[in-house]
């Protein structure tokens, strides 16, 4: 049984379909054949505007974790041989400081339902019993309901649509690179994460490019827009919320003696 045919989920999917269709119709007078693509961009921006409070919480949590880094390193030194005690003491520290260790995951978790719905909207031929007209939407000749991998297996006639897919994937890679350079914070003093592990983790966002190649173009455009928004939002919020701005001190934490 298709999960999206379950009546409650089908109703939500139909609502998402109606929203994307309405946005596409609204922008069609000036967007032309790219109306569907622009609708996805607008939808992404609306979602990210709603998630700004979550972004604020995430940035504040970053500063809190950097402030607590020396204390966390000391706990790891004291309880290196007792994982259970280390985990308990770490959670006690977070609770005492009223800091959530999971705040950094909230924006991603909040977007999973959106990208899942968008994937379903552009892959299901029927939604809530009616035909899905969005599957006929194209942007510069590229079908929004087909993935890059799917298009490569379509044989002849994939150009110039293939250029649209390659352009979106290339832009995701560029934005990811900018994100690594602009948003990666220096390791706090007292932190114990090995430098090699940090370098390996810094390349993890490039998995997004591979993922985007397997989802419909509409979902890939959502990923691109959301990633670019994240870079701009995080850069701005870090400067607005930096506790060092109010004191004139450097943002680099110091270890207390």
C-alpha atoms as a PDB file:
ATOM      1  CA  UNK A   1       0.000   0.000   0.000  1.00  0.00           C
ATOM      2  CA  UNK A   2       1.240   3.449  -0.928  1.00  0.00           C
ATOM      3  CA  UNK A   3       1.798   5.462   2.241  1.00  0.00           C
ATOM      4  CA  UNK A   4       0.580   8.610   0.466  1.00  0.00           C
ATOM      5  CA  UNK A   5      -2.770   6.997  -0.411  1.00  0.00           C
ATOM      6  CA  UNK A   6      -3.718   6.773   3.286  1.00  0.00           C
ATOM      7  CA  UNK A   7      -6.563   9.335   3.597  1.00  0.00           C
ATOM      8  CA  UNK A   8      -4.955  11.679   6.199  1.00  0.00           C
ATOM      9  CA  UNK A   9      -1.622  11.721   4.326  1.00  0.00           C
ATOM     10  CA  UNK A  10      -3.394  11.990   0.968  1.00  0.00           C
ATOM     11  CA  UNK A  11      -5.212  15.087   2.247  1.00  0.00           C
ATOM     12  CA  UNK A  12      -1.922  16.687   3.316  1.00  0.00           C
ATOM     13  CA  UNK A  13      -0.358  15.772  -0.036  1.00  0.00           C
ATOM     14  CA  UNK A  14      -3.326  17.263  -1.853  1.00  0.00           C
ATOM     15  CA  UNK A  15      -2.931  20.460   0.161  1.00  0.00           C
ATOM     16  CA  UNK A  16       0.752  20.660  -0.797  1.00  0.00           C
ATOM     17  CA  UNK A  17      -0.202  20.039  -4.418  1.00  0.00           C
ATOM     18  CA  UNK A  18      -2.782  22.810  -4.281  1.00  0.00           C
ATOM     19  CA  UNK A  19      -0.260  25.237  -2.767  1.00  0.00           C
ATOM     20  CA  UNK A  20       2.402  24.548  -5.394  1.00  0.00           C
ATOM     21  CA  UNK A  21      -0.204  24.773  -8.169  1.00  0.00           C
ATOM     22  CA  UNK A  22      -1.524  28.090  -6.821  1.00  0.00           C
ATOM     23  CA  UNK A  23       1.996  29.537  -6.581  1.00  0.00           C
ATOM     24  CA  UNK A  24       2.779  28.361 -10.108  1.00  0.00           C
ATOM     25  CA  UNK A  25      -0.399  29.979 -11.459  1.00  0.00           C
ATOM     26  CA  UNK A  26       0.339  33.220  -9.593  1.00  0.00           C
ATOM     27  CA  UNK A  27       3.854  33.628 -11.026  1.00  0.00           C
ATOM     28  CA  UNK A  28       3.087  32.337 -14.519  1.00  0.00           C
ATOM     29  CA  UNK A  29       2.347  35.802 -16.022  1.00  0.00           C
ATOM     30  CA  UNK A  30       5.967  36.887 -15.536  1.00  0.00           C
ATOM     31  CA  UNK A  31       7.758  33.534 -15.106  1.00  0.00           C
ATOM     32  CA  UNK A  32       6.390  31.853 -18.218  1.00  0.00           C
ATOM     33  CA  UNK A  33       7.543  28.256 -18.657  1.00  0.00           C
ATOM     34  CA  UNK A  34       9.649  28.520 -15.491  1.00  0.00           C
ATOM     35  CA  UNK A  35       6.538  29.087 -13.348  1.00  0.00           C
ATOM     36  CA  UNK A  36       6.765  25.674 -11.698  1.00  0.00           C
ATOM     37  CA  UNK A  37      10.415  26.179 -10.806  1.00  0.00           C
ATOM     38  CA  UNK A  38       9.773  29.677  -9.417  1.00  0.00           C
ATOM     39  CA  UNK A  39       6.855  28.268  -7.409  1.00  0.00           C
ATOM     40  CA  UNK A  40       9.216  25.783  -5.743  1.00  0.00           C
ATOM     41  CA  UNK A  41      11.662  28.600  -4.931  1.00  0.00           C
ATOM     42  CA  UNK A  42       8.872  30.721  -3.411  1.00  0.00           C
ATOM     43  CA  UNK A  43       7.592  27.742  -1.420  1.00  0.00           C
ATOM     44  CA  UNK A  44      11.092  27.108  -0.082  1.00  0.00           C
ATOM     45  CA  UNK A  45      11.461  30.715   1.010  1.00  0.00           C
ATOM     46  CA  UNK A  46       8.081  30.627   2.762  1.00  0.00           C
ATOM     47  CA  UNK A  47       9.123  27.497   4.645  1.00  0.00           C
ATOM     48  CA  UNK A  48      12.466  29.013   5.643  1.00  0.00           C
ATOM     49  CA  UNK A  49      10.794  32.234   6.833  1.00  0.00           C
ATOM     50  CA  UNK A  50       8.635  30.117   9.142  1.00  0.00           C
ATOM     51  CA  UNK A  51      11.791  28.381  10.391  1.00  0.00           C
ATOM     52  CA  UNK A  52      13.703  31.561  11.274  1.00  0.00           C
ATOM     53  CA  UNK A  53      12.988  31.099  15.029  1.00  0.00           C
ATOM     54  CA  UNK A  54      14.510  27.621  14.738  1.00  0.00           C
ATOM     55  CA  UNK A  55      17.560  29.146  13.054  1.00  0.00           C
ATOM     56  CA  UNK A  56      17.916  31.649  15.874  1.00  0.00           C
ATOM     57  CA  UNK A  57      17.789  28.811  18.391  1.00  0.00           C
ATOM     58  CA  UNK A  58      20.432  26.923  16.427  1.00  0.00           C
ATOM     59  CA  UNK A  59      22.876  29.845  16.308  1.00  0.00           C
ATOM     60  CA  UNK A  60      22.435  30.561  20.007  1.00  0.00           C
ATOM     61  CA  UNK A  61      23.117  26.886  20.707  1.00  0.00           C
ATOM     62  CA  UNK A  62      26.359  27.173  18.692  1.00  0.00           C
ATOM     63  CA  UNK A  63      27.611  29.966  20.948  1.00  0.00           C
ATOM     64  CA  UNK A  64      26.550  28.051  24.066  1.00  0.00           C
ATOM     65  CA  UNK A  65      28.390  24.921  22.941  1.00  0.00           C
ATOM     66  CA  UNK A  66      31.556  26.898  22.223  1.00  0.00           C
ATOM     67  CA  UNK A  67      31.313  28.468  25.677  1.00  0.00           C
ATOM     68  CA  UNK A  68      30.951  25.016  27.255  1.00  0.00           C
ATOM     69  CA  UNK A  69      33.729  23.398  25.193  1.00  0.00           C
ATOM     70  CA  UNK A  70      36.415  23.661  27.912  1.00  0.00           C
ATOM     71  CA  UNK A  71      34.097  22.121  30.509  1.00  0.00           C
ATOM     72  CA  UNK A  72      33.104  19.319  28.117  1.00  0.00           C
ATOM     73  CA  UNK A  73      36.775  18.626  27.402  1.00  0.00           C
ATOM     74  CA  UNK A  74      37.461  18.432  31.147  1.00  0.00           C
ATOM     75  CA  UNK A  75      34.594  15.949  31.599  1.00  0.00           C
ATOM     76  CA  UNK A  76      35.998  13.807  28.805  1.00  0.00           C
ATOM     77  CA  UNK A  77      39.421  13.863  30.471  1.00  0.00           C
ATOM     78  CA  UNK A  78      38.026  12.894  33.874  1.00  0.00           C
ATOM     79  CA  UNK A  79      35.651  10.156  32.698  1.00  0.00           C
ATOM     80  CA  UNK A  80      37.430   8.856  29.592  1.00  0.00           C
ATOM     81  CA  UNK A  81      37.152   5.270  30.865  1.00  0.00           C
ATOM     82  CA  UNK A  82      33.510   5.456  31.989  1.00  0.00           C
ATOM     83  CA  UNK A  83      31.156   6.210  29.093  1.00  0.00           C
ATOM     84  CA  UNK A  84      28.023   5.967  31.215  1.00  0.00           C
ATOM     85  CA  UNK A  85      29.262   8.524  33.728  1.00  0.00           C
ATOM     86  CA  UNK A  86      30.550  10.757  30.933  1.00  0.00           C
ATOM     87  CA  UNK A  87      27.159  10.729  29.209  1.00  0.00           C
ATOM     88  CA  UNK A  88      25.359  11.486  32.483  1.00  0.00           C
ATOM     89  CA  UNK A  89      27.698  14.309  33.458  1.00  0.00           C
ATOM     90  CA  UNK A  90      27.501  15.784  29.966  1.00  0.00           C
ATOM     91  CA  UNK A  91      23.704  15.856  30.033  1.00  0.00           C
ATOM     92  CA  UNK A  92      23.778  17.337  33.540  1.00  0.00           C
ATOM     93  CA  UNK A  93      26.032  20.128  32.267  1.00  0.00           C
ATOM     94  CA  UNK A  94      23.722  20.838  29.335  1.00  0.00           C
ATOM     95  CA  UNK A  95      20.704  20.886  31.643  1.00  0.00           C
ATOM     96  CA  UNK A  96      22.414  23.145  34.178  1.00  0.00           C
ATOM     97  CA  UNK A  97      23.331  25.588  31.408  1.00  0.00           C
ATOM     98  CA  UNK A  98      19.905  25.199  29.735  1.00  0.00           C
ATOM     99  CA  UNK A  99      21.515  24.238  26.431  1.00  0.00           C
ATOM    100  CA  UNK A 100      20.071  21.629  24.075  1.00  0.00           C
ATOM    101  CA  UNK A 101      22.664  19.342  22.446  1.00  0.00           C
ATOM    102  CA  UNK A 102      20.170  18.674  19.640  1.00  0.00           C
ATOM    103  CA  UNK A 103      19.386  22.283  18.665  1.00  0.00           C
ATOM    104  CA  UNK A 104      21.657  22.088  15.621  1.00  0.00           C
ATOM    105  CA  UNK A 105      19.539  19.310  14.141  1.00  0.00           C
ATOM    106  CA  UNK A 106      16.212  21.148  14.326  1.00  0.00           C
ATOM    107  CA  UNK A 107      16.306  22.964  10.947  1.00  0.00           C
ATOM    108  CA  UNK A 108      17.109  19.734   9.107  1.00  0.00           C
ATOM    109  CA  UNK A 109      14.480  17.724  10.964  1.00  0.00           C
ATOM    110  CA  UNK A 110      11.862  20.417  10.374  1.00  0.00           C
ATOM    111  CA  UNK A 111      12.487  20.332   6.617  1.00  0.00           C
ATOM    112  CA  UNK A 112      12.324  16.558   6.165  1.00  0.00           C
ATOM    113  CA  UNK A 113       8.478  16.523   5.976  1.00  0.00           C
ATOM    114  CA  UNK A 114       8.543  19.379   3.434  1.00  0.00           C
ATOM    115  CA  UNK A 115      11.038  17.771   1.073  1.00  0.00           C
ATOM    116  CA  UNK A 116       9.229  14.429   1.447  1.00  0.00           C
ATOM    117  CA  UNK A 117       5.943  16.056   0.414  1.00  0.00           C
ATOM    118  CA  UNK A 118       7.623  17.871  -2.467  1.00  0.00           C
ATOM    119  CA  UNK A 119       9.159  14.594  -3.632  1.00  0.00           C
ATOM    120  CA  UNK A 120       5.736  12.932  -3.526  1.00  0.00           C
ATOM    121  CA  UNK A 121       4.011  15.832  -5.290  1.00  0.00           C
ATOM    122  CA  UNK A 122       6.364  15.530  -8.257  1.00  0.00           C
ATOM    123  CA  UNK A 123       6.412  11.725  -8.474  1.00  0.00           C
ATOM    124  CA  UNK A 124       2.772  10.649  -8.036  1.00  0.00           C
ATOM    125  CA  UNK A 125       0.661  10.599 -11.235  1.00  0.00           C
ATOM    126  CA  UNK A 126      -2.531  10.873  -9.170  1.00  0.00           C
ATOM    127  CA  UNK A 127      -3.059  12.739  -5.902  1.00  0.00           C
ATOM    128  CA  UNK A 128      -6.210  12.273  -3.794  1.00  0.00           C
ATOM    129  CA  UNK A 129      -7.943  10.706  -6.781  1.00  0.00           C
ATOM    130  CA  UNK A 130      -7.212  13.392  -9.396  1.00  0.00           C
ATOM    131  CA  UNK A 131      -4.537  13.710 -12.054  1.00  0.00           C
ATOM    132  CA  UNK A 132      -1.291  15.421 -11.086  1.00  0.00           C
ATOM    133  CA  UNK A 133      -0.882  18.205 -13.640  1.00  0.00           C
ATOM    134  CA  UNK A 134       2.389  19.315 -12.068  1.00  0.00           C
ATOM    135  CA  UNK A 135       4.126  16.370 -13.740  1.00  0.00           C
ATOM    136  CA  UNK A 136       3.765  18.230 -17.025  1.00  0.00           C
ATOM    137  CA  UNK A 137       5.575  21.289 -15.658  1.00  0.00           C
ATOM    138  CA  UNK A 138       8.937  22.046 -17.237  1.00  0.00           C
ATOM    139  CA  UNK A 139      11.637  24.622 -16.563  1.00  0.00           C
ATOM    140  CA  UNK A 140      13.638  25.566 -19.642  1.00  0.00           C
ATOM    141  CA  UNK A 141      12.666  22.213 -21.145  1.00  0.00           C
ATOM    142  CA  UNK A 142      13.579  20.151 -18.071  1.00  0.00           C
ATOM    143  CA  UNK A 143      10.728  18.154 -16.460  1.00  0.00           C
ATOM    144  CA  UNK A 144      10.369  19.021 -12.786  1.00  0.00           C
ATOM    145  CA  UNK A 145       9.210  15.508 -11.975  1.00  0.00           C
ATOM    146  CA  UNK A 146      12.310  13.724 -13.314  1.00  0.00           C
ATOM    147  CA  UNK A 147      15.630  13.290 -11.541  1.00  0.00           C
ATOM    148  CA  UNK A 148      19.073  13.813 -13.041  1.00  0.00           C
ATOM    149  CA  UNK A 149      19.700  10.052 -12.869  1.00  0.00           C
ATOM    150  CA  UNK A 150      16.316   9.388 -14.464  1.00  0.00           C
ATOM    151  CA  UNK A 151      17.031  11.779 -17.302  1.00  0.00           C
ATOM    152  CA  UNK A 152      20.408  10.209 -18.045  1.00  0.00           C
ATOM    153  CA  UNK A 153      18.607   6.933 -18.701  1.00  0.00           C
ATOM    154  CA  UNK A 154      16.051   8.507 -21.000  1.00  0.00           C
ATOM    155  CA  UNK A 155      18.224   8.061 -24.088  1.00  0.00           C
ATOM    156  CA  UNK A 156      18.105  10.593 -26.902  1.00  0.00           C
ATOM    157  CA  UNK A 157      16.513  14.012 -26.603  1.00  0.00           C
ATOM    158  CA  UNK A 158      17.784  14.890 -23.130  1.00  0.00           C
ATOM    159  CA  UNK A 159      19.529  18.061 -24.301  1.00  0.00           C
ATOM    160  CA  UNK A 160      19.237  20.938 -23.495  1.00  0.00           C
ATOM    161  CA  UNK A 161      17.209  19.772 -20.458  1.00  0.00           C
ATOM    162  CA  UNK A 162      20.336  18.072 -19.105  1.00  0.00           C
ATOM    163  CA  UNK A 163      22.025  21.481 -18.820  1.00  0.00           C
ATOM    164  CA  UNK A 164      19.347  22.586 -16.337  1.00  0.00           C
ATOM    165  CA  UNK A 165      20.038  19.573 -14.105  1.00  0.00           C
ATOM    166  CA  UNK A 166      23.793  20.005 -14.357  1.00  0.00           C
ATOM    167  CA  UNK A 167      23.403  23.699 -13.552  1.00  0.00           C
ATOM    168  CA  UNK A 168      21.327  22.986 -10.424  1.00  0.00           C
ATOM    169  CA  UNK A 169      23.769  20.310  -9.188  1.00  0.00           C
ATOM    170  CA  UNK A 170      26.737  22.604  -9.873  1.00  0.00           C
ATOM    171  CA  UNK A 171      25.082  25.442  -7.940  1.00  0.00           C
ATOM    172  CA  UNK A 172      24.400  23.120  -4.996  1.00  0.00           C
ATOM    173  CA  UNK A 173      28.098  22.196  -4.995  1.00  0.00           C
ATOM    174  CA  UNK A 174      29.107  25.878  -5.136  1.00  0.00           C
ATOM    175  CA  UNK A 175      26.764  26.880  -2.315  1.00  0.00           C
ATOM    176  CA  UNK A 176      27.996  23.909  -0.266  1.00  0.00           C
ATOM    177  CA  UNK A 177      31.585  25.056  -0.783  1.00  0.00           C
ATOM    178  CA  UNK A 178      30.683  28.582   0.291  1.00  0.00           C
ATOM    179  CA  UNK A 179      28.927  27.106   3.324  1.00  0.00           C
ATOM    180  CA  UNK A 180      32.084  25.182   4.332  1.00  0.00           C
ATOM    181  CA  UNK A 181      34.248  28.278   4.017  1.00  0.00           C
ATOM    182  CA  UNK A 182      31.887  30.802   5.592  1.00  0.00           C
ATOM    183  CA  UNK A 183      30.002  28.820   8.219  1.00  0.00           C
ATOM    184  CA  UNK A 184      32.589  26.375   9.575  1.00  0.00           C
ATOM    185  CA  UNK A 185      33.589  27.696  12.967  1.00  0.00           C
ATOM    186  CA  UNK A 186      37.140  27.311  14.270  1.00  0.00           C
ATOM    187  CA  UNK A 187      37.499  24.574  16.861  1.00  0.00           C
ATOM    188  CA  UNK A 188      36.957  26.069  20.323  1.00  0.00           C
ATOM    189  CA  UNK A 189      39.861  26.127  22.749  1.00  0.00           C
ATOM    190  CA  UNK A 190      39.644  23.047  24.900  1.00  0.00           C
ATOM    191  CA  UNK A 191      37.669  21.027  22.368  1.00  0.00           C
ATOM    192  CA  UNK A 192      38.898  17.478  21.914  1.00  0.00           C
ATOM    193  CA  UNK A 193      37.575  16.563  18.460  1.00  0.00           C
ATOM    194  CA  UNK A 194      40.517  15.372  16.303  1.00  0.00           C
ATOM    195  CA  UNK A 195      41.371  17.717  13.431  1.00  0.00           C
ATOM    196  CA  UNK A 196      41.208  14.842  10.951  1.00  0.00           C
ATOM    197  CA  UNK A 197      37.675  14.003  12.004  1.00  0.00           C
ATOM    198  CA  UNK A 198      36.659  17.647  11.679  1.00  0.00           C
ATOM    199  CA  UNK A 199      38.037  17.763   8.147  1.00  0.00           C
ATOM    200  CA  UNK A 200      36.167  14.586   7.239  1.00  0.00           C
ATOM    201  CA  UNK A 201      32.926  15.919   8.691  1.00  0.00           C
ATOM    202  CA  UNK A 202      33.366  19.182   6.806  1.00  0.00           C
ATOM    203  CA  UNK A 203      33.000  17.284   3.536  1.00  0.00           C
ATOM    204  CA  UNK A 204      29.794  15.575   4.638  1.00  0.00           C
ATOM    205  CA  UNK A 205      27.526  18.302   3.152  1.00  0.00           C
ATOM    206  CA  UNK A 206      28.701  17.286  -0.344  1.00  0.00           C
ATOM    207  CA  UNK A 207      26.576  14.162   0.076  1.00  0.00           C
ATOM    208  CA  UNK A 208      23.689  16.565  -0.623  1.00  0.00           C
ATOM    209  CA  UNK A 209      24.870  16.898  -4.233  1.00  0.00           C
ATOM    210  CA  UNK A 210      24.683  13.127  -4.693  1.00  0.00           C
ATOM    211  CA  UNK A 211      21.267  12.995  -3.025  1.00  0.00           C
ATOM    212  CA  UNK A 212      19.987  15.812  -5.259  1.00  0.00           C
ATOM    213  CA  UNK A 213      20.900  13.792  -8.353  1.00  0.00           C
ATOM    214  CA  UNK A 214      18.404  11.086  -7.381  1.00  0.00           C
ATOM    215  CA  UNK A 215      15.366  13.241  -6.521  1.00  0.00           C
ATOM    216  CA  UNK A 216      13.061  15.100  -8.926  1.00  0.00           C
ATOM    217  CA  UNK A 217      14.334  18.419 -10.241  1.00  0.00           C
ATOM    218  CA  UNK A 218      11.742  20.234  -8.112  1.00  0.00           C
ATOM    219  CA  UNK A 219      13.185  18.685  -4.930  1.00  0.00           C
ATOM    220  CA  UNK A 220      16.739  19.487  -6.089  1.00  0.00           C
ATOM    221  CA  UNK A 221      15.716  23.134  -6.565  1.00  0.00           C
ATOM    222  CA  UNK A 222      14.277  23.093  -3.041  1.00  0.00           C
ATOM    223  CA  UNK A 223      17.616  21.783  -1.724  1.00  0.00           C
ATOM    224  CA  UNK A 224      19.539  24.469  -3.625  1.00  0.00           C
ATOM    225  CA  UNK A 225      17.314  27.308  -2.412  1.00  0.00           C
ATOM    226  CA  UNK A 226      17.238  26.071   1.166  1.00  0.00           C
ATOM    227  CA  UNK A 227      21.019  25.602   1.287  1.00  0.00           C
ATOM    228  CA  UNK A 228      21.622  29.113  -0.050  1.00  0.00           C
ATOM    229  CA  UNK A 229      19.140  30.487   2.493  1.00  0.00           C
ATOM    230  CA  UNK A 230      20.950  28.643   5.288  1.00  0.00           C
ATOM    231  CA  UNK A 231      24.273  30.256   4.357  1.00  0.00           C
ATOM    232  CA  UNK A 232      22.796  33.766   4.297  1.00  0.00           C
ATOM    233  CA  UNK A 233      20.682  33.259   7.421  1.00  0.00           C
ATOM    234  CA  UNK A 234      23.453  31.701   9.515  1.00  0.00           C
ATOM    235  CA  UNK A 235      25.997  34.344   8.474  1.00  0.00           C
ATOM    236  CA  UNK A 236      23.564  37.120   9.414  1.00  0.00           C
ATOM    237  CA  UNK A 237      22.361  35.595  12.692  1.00  0.00           C
ATOM    238  CA  UNK A 238      25.877  34.853  13.891  1.00  0.00           C
ATOM    239  CA  UNK A 239      26.721  38.538  13.622  1.00  0.00           C
ATOM    240  CA  UNK A 240      23.479  39.716  15.174  1.00  0.00           C
ATOM    241  CA  UNK A 241      23.525  37.232  18.065  1.00  0.00           C
ATOM    242  CA  UNK A 242      27.251  37.046  18.773  1.00  0.00           C
ATOM    243  CA  UNK A 243      27.545  37.696  22.541  1.00  0.00           C
ATOM    244  CA  UNK A 244      31.010  39.189  21.977  1.00  0.00           C
ATOM    245  CA  UNK A 245      29.520  42.093  20.008  1.00  0.00           C
ATOM    246  CA  UNK A 246      28.005  43.553  23.128  1.00  0.00           C
ATOM    247  CA  UNK A 247      31.267  43.359  25.064  1.00  0.00           C
ATOM    248  CA  UNK A 248      33.692  44.239  22.296  1.00  0.00           C
ATOM    249  CA  UNK A 249      35.597  40.981  22.922  1.00  0.00           C
ATOM    250  CA  UNK A 250      36.767  38.522  20.351  1.00  0.00           C
ATOM    251  CA  UNK A 251      34.362  35.714  19.519  1.00  0.00           C
ATOM    252  CA  UNK A 252      37.104  33.228  20.318  1.00  0.00           C
ATOM    253  CA  UNK A 253      36.412  31.655  23.718  1.00  0.00           C
ATOM    254  CA  UNK A 254      39.053  31.644  26.393  1.00  0.00           C
ATOM    255  CA  UNK A 255      39.676  29.039  29.031  1.00  0.00           C
ATOM    256  CA  UNK A 256      39.084  30.121  32.603  1.00  0.00           C
ATOM    257  CA  UNK A 257      41.871  29.502  35.110  1.00  0.00           C
END
